[in-house]
Amino acid sequence: MEAIGQLAAGVAHDFNNILTVIMGNNDLMRSELGPDSPLREHAEEIRHASERAAGLTQQLLIFGRKTNGATRRA
């Protein structure tokens, strides 16, 4: 179980790095779009999906800490 926890935590950290890039670029894109841009709705959907993925990442990190018995912060 400890190995699964370590794997989950490792995947979560790597995925979080990818999400940071996606969310950062999405923020830049949204700042360039006007309020009436037809692309704004798509950019908002990307943001919401990224936030849901970040929540899953946090759950993986919590699982990894529990199975490893670790108390360190991610």
N, C-alpha and C. Protein backbone atom coordinates (compact mmCIF):
# COMPACT_ATOMS: atom_id res chain seq x y z
N MET A 1 0.82 -1.19 0.00
CA MET A 1 0.00 0.00 0.00
C MET A 1 0.87 1.26 0.00
N GLU A 2 1.99 1.17 0.68
CA GLU A 2 2.90 2.32 0.72
C GLU A 2 3.40 2.67 -0.68
N ALA A 3 3.71 1.65 -1.48
CA ALA A 3 4.19 1.89 -2.85
C ALA A 3 3.12 2.57 -3.69
N ILE A 4 1.87 2.19 -3.49
CA ILE A 4 0.77 2.82 -4.22
C ILE A 4 0.65 4.29 -3.81
N GLY A 5 0.81 4.54 -2.53
CA GLY A 5 0.76 5.92 -2.04
C GLY A 5 1.88 6.76 -2.62
N GLN A 6 3.08 6.20 -2.70
CA GLN A 6 4.20 6.93 -3.28
C GLN A 6 3.96 7.20 -4.75
N LEU A 7 3.42 6.22 -5.46
CA LEU A 7 3.11 6.40 -6.88
C LEU A 7 2.05 7.49 -7.05
N ALA A 8 0.99 7.44 -6.25
CA ALA A 8 -0.08 8.43 -6.34
C ALA A 8 0.46 9.84 -6.09
N ALA A 9 1.31 9.98 -5.09
CA ALA A 9 1.88 11.29 -4.78
C ALA A 9 2.78 11.78 -5.91
N GLY A 10 3.57 10.89 -6.48
CA GLY A 10 4.45 11.26 -7.59
C GLY A 10 3.66 11.70 -8.81
N VAL A 11 2.62 10.94 -9.14
CA VAL A 11 1.78 11.31 -10.27
C VAL A 11 1.09 12.65 -10.00
N ALA A 12 0.62 12.83 -8.79
CA ALA A 12 -0.06 14.08 -8.43
C ALA A 12 0.87 15.27 -8.58
N HIS A 13 2.11 15.15 -8.15
CA HIS A 13 3.06 16.25 -8.28
C HIS A 13 3.33 16.56 -9.75
N ASP A 14 3.55 15.54 -10.54
CA ASP A 14 3.81 15.75 -11.97
C ASP A 14 2.60 16.37 -12.66
N PHE A 15 1.42 15.85 -12.35
CA PHE A 15 0.20 16.37 -12.95
C PHE A 15 -0.05 17.81 -12.52
N ASN A 16 0.27 18.12 -11.27
CA ASN A 16 0.11 19.48 -10.78
C ASN A 16 1.01 20.45 -11.56
N ASN A 17 2.21 20.01 -11.90
CA ASN A 17 3.10 20.86 -12.70
C ASN A 17 2.49 21.16 -14.07
N ILE A 18 1.88 20.15 -14.69
CA ILE A 18 1.23 20.34 -15.99
C ILE A 18 0.04 21.29 -15.84
N LEU A 19 -0.74 21.08 -14.79
CA LEU A 19 -1.90 21.95 -14.56
C LEU A 19 -1.50 23.40 -14.35
N THR A 20 -0.38 23.62 -13.71
CA THR A 20 0.10 24.99 -13.49
C THR A 20 0.32 25.70 -14.82
N VAL A 21 0.89 25.00 -15.78
CA VAL A 21 1.12 25.58 -17.10
C VAL A 21 -0.21 25.84 -17.81
N ILE A 22 -1.11 24.87 -17.76
CA ILE A 22 -2.42 25.03 -18.40
C ILE A 22 -3.17 26.22 -17.80
N MET A 23 -3.21 26.28 -16.48
CA MET A 23 -3.95 27.35 -15.82
C MET A 23 -3.30 28.72 -16.06
N GLY A 24 -1.99 28.76 -16.04
CA GLY A 24 -1.29 30.03 -16.29
C GLY A 24 -1.54 30.55 -17.70
N ASN A 25 -1.44 29.66 -18.68
CA ASN A 25 -1.70 30.08 -20.05
C ASN A 25 -3.16 30.45 -20.26
N ASN A 26 -4.05 29.74 -19.59
CA ASN A 26 -5.47 30.08 -19.69
C ASN A 26 -5.73 31.47 -19.11
N ASP A 27 -5.09 31.77 -17.99
CA ASP A 27 -5.23 33.10 -17.39
C ASP A 27 -4.75 34.19 -18.35
N LEU A 28 -3.61 33.94 -18.99
CA LEU A 28 -3.10 34.91 -19.97
C LEU A 28 -4.07 35.08 -21.13
N MET A 29 -4.60 33.97 -21.61
CA MET A 29 -5.53 34.02 -22.73
C MET A 29 -6.81 34.79 -22.34
N ARG A 30 -7.34 34.49 -21.15
CA ARG A 30 -8.56 35.17 -20.72
C ARG A 30 -8.34 36.66 -20.54
N SER A 31 -7.14 37.05 -20.14
CA SER A 31 -6.87 38.49 -19.96
C SER A 31 -6.82 39.22 -21.30
N GLU A 32 -6.57 38.49 -22.38
CA GLU A 32 -6.52 39.09 -23.71
C GLU A 32 -7.88 39.09 -24.41
N LEU A 33 -8.82 38.28 -23.91
CA LEU A 33 -10.13 38.19 -24.54
C LEU A 33 -11.05 39.28 -24.01
N GLY A 34 -11.81 39.86 -24.90
CA GLY A 34 -12.81 40.84 -24.48
C GLY A 34 -13.98 40.12 -23.83
N PRO A 35 -14.78 40.85 -23.07
CA PRO A 35 -15.91 40.23 -22.37
C PRO A 35 -16.94 39.61 -23.32
N ASP A 36 -17.00 40.08 -24.54
CA ASP A 36 -17.97 39.56 -25.51
C ASP A 36 -17.35 38.59 -26.51
N SER A 37 -16.11 38.21 -26.28
CA SER A 37 -15.44 37.29 -27.20
C SER A 37 -16.14 35.93 -27.20
N PRO A 38 -16.35 35.36 -28.40
CA PRO A 38 -16.96 34.03 -28.45
C PRO A 38 -16.06 32.95 -27.84
N LEU A 39 -14.79 33.26 -27.67
CA LEU A 39 -13.85 32.29 -27.10
C LEU A 39 -13.84 32.31 -25.57
N ARG A 40 -14.42 33.35 -24.99
CA ARG A 40 -14.39 33.48 -23.52
C ARG A 40 -15.07 32.29 -22.85
N GLU A 41 -16.19 31.83 -23.38
CA GLU A 41 -16.89 30.70 -22.79
C GLU A 41 -16.01 29.45 -22.80
N HIS A 42 -15.27 29.24 -23.89
CA HIS A 42 -14.37 28.09 -23.97
C HIS A 42 -13.23 28.22 -22.94
N ALA A 43 -12.71 29.44 -22.81
CA ALA A 43 -11.64 29.68 -21.84
C ALA A 43 -12.14 29.42 -20.42
N GLU A 44 -13.37 29.80 -20.14
CA GLU A 44 -13.94 29.56 -18.81
C GLU A 44 -14.12 28.06 -18.56
N GLU A 45 -14.51 27.32 -19.58
CA GLU A 45 -14.65 25.86 -19.45
C GLU A 45 -13.29 25.21 -19.15
N ILE A 46 -12.25 25.71 -19.81
CA ILE A 46 -10.90 25.20 -19.54
C ILE A 46 -10.52 25.48 -18.10
N ARG A 47 -10.84 26.67 -17.62
CA ARG A 47 -10.51 27.04 -16.25
C ARG A 47 -11.25 26.13 -15.25
N HIS A 48 -12.54 25.91 -15.49
CA HIS A 48 -13.31 25.07 -14.58
C HIS A 48 -12.79 23.63 -14.58
N ALA A 49 -12.47 23.11 -15.75
CA ALA A 49 -11.93 21.75 -15.83
C ALA A 49 -10.59 21.66 -15.11
N SER A 50 -9.76 22.69 -15.26
CA SER A 50 -8.47 22.72 -14.57
C SER A 50 -8.63 22.74 -13.06
N GLU A 51 -9.63 23.48 -12.60
CA GLU A 51 -9.88 23.53 -11.15
C GLU A 51 -10.35 22.18 -10.63
N ARG A 52 -11.19 21.49 -11.40
CA ARG A 52 -11.64 20.15 -10.99
C ARG A 52 -10.44 19.18 -10.97
N ALA A 53 -9.57 19.29 -11.97
CA ALA A 53 -8.38 18.43 -12.01
C ALA A 53 -7.46 18.74 -10.83
N ALA A 54 -7.35 20.00 -10.45
CA ALA A 54 -6.53 20.36 -9.29
C ALA A 54 -7.10 19.74 -8.02
N GLY A 55 -8.42 19.68 -7.92
CA GLY A 55 -9.05 19.03 -6.77
C GLY A 55 -8.71 17.55 -6.71
N LEU A 56 -8.73 16.89 -7.85
CA LEU A 56 -8.34 15.48 -7.89
C LEU A 56 -6.88 15.30 -7.50
N THR A 57 -6.05 16.21 -7.94
CA THR A 57 -4.63 16.16 -7.59
C THR A 57 -4.46 16.24 -6.08
N GLN A 58 -5.21 17.14 -5.44
CA GLN A 58 -5.13 17.27 -3.99
C GLN A 58 -5.58 15.99 -3.30
N GLN A 59 -6.60 15.34 -3.84
CA GLN A 59 -7.06 14.08 -3.26
C GLN A 59 -5.98 13.00 -3.37
N LEU A 60 -5.28 12.98 -4.50
CA LEU A 60 -4.18 12.01 -4.66
C LEU A 60 -3.07 12.28 -3.66
N LEU A 61 -2.76 13.56 -3.45
CA LEU A 61 -1.71 13.90 -2.49
C LEU A 61 -2.11 13.51 -1.07
N ILE A 62 -3.35 13.73 -0.72
CA ILE A 62 -3.84 13.33 0.61
C ILE A 62 -3.75 11.82 0.76
N PHE A 63 -4.18 11.09 -0.27
CA PHE A 63 -4.10 9.63 -0.24
C PHE A 63 -2.65 9.18 -0.07
N GLY A 64 -1.73 9.81 -0.81
CA GLY A 64 -0.32 9.46 -0.72
C GLY A 64 0.23 9.69 0.67
N ARG A 65 -0.17 10.78 1.30
CA ARG A 65 0.29 11.07 2.67
C ARG A 65 -0.25 10.05 3.65
N LYS A 66 -1.51 9.67 3.48
CA LYS A 66 -2.12 8.70 4.41
C LYS A 66 -1.46 7.33 4.29
N THR A 67 -1.22 6.88 3.07
CA THR A 67 -0.66 5.54 2.88
C THR A 67 0.81 5.49 3.22
N ASN A 68 1.49 6.63 3.14
CA ASN A 68 2.91 6.65 3.48
C ASN A 68 3.13 6.99 4.95
N GLY A 69 2.05 7.37 5.62
CA GLY A 69 2.21 7.75 7.03
C GLY A 69 2.95 9.06 7.18
N ALA A 70 3.06 9.80 6.10
CA ALA A 70 3.82 11.06 6.12
C ALA A 70 2.95 12.19 6.60
N THR A 71 3.58 13.18 7.20
CA THR A 71 2.88 14.38 7.63
C THR A 71 3.40 15.59 6.90
N ARG A 72 4.27 15.40 5.94
CA ARG A 72 4.84 16.53 5.19
C ARG A 72 3.78 17.15 4.29
N ARG A 73 3.97 18.41 3.97
CA ARG A 73 3.05 19.13 3.09
C ARG A 73 3.54 19.01 1.66
N ALA A 74 2.58 19.01 0.73
CA ALA A 74 2.89 18.93 -0.71
C ALA A 74 3.26 20.28 -1.25
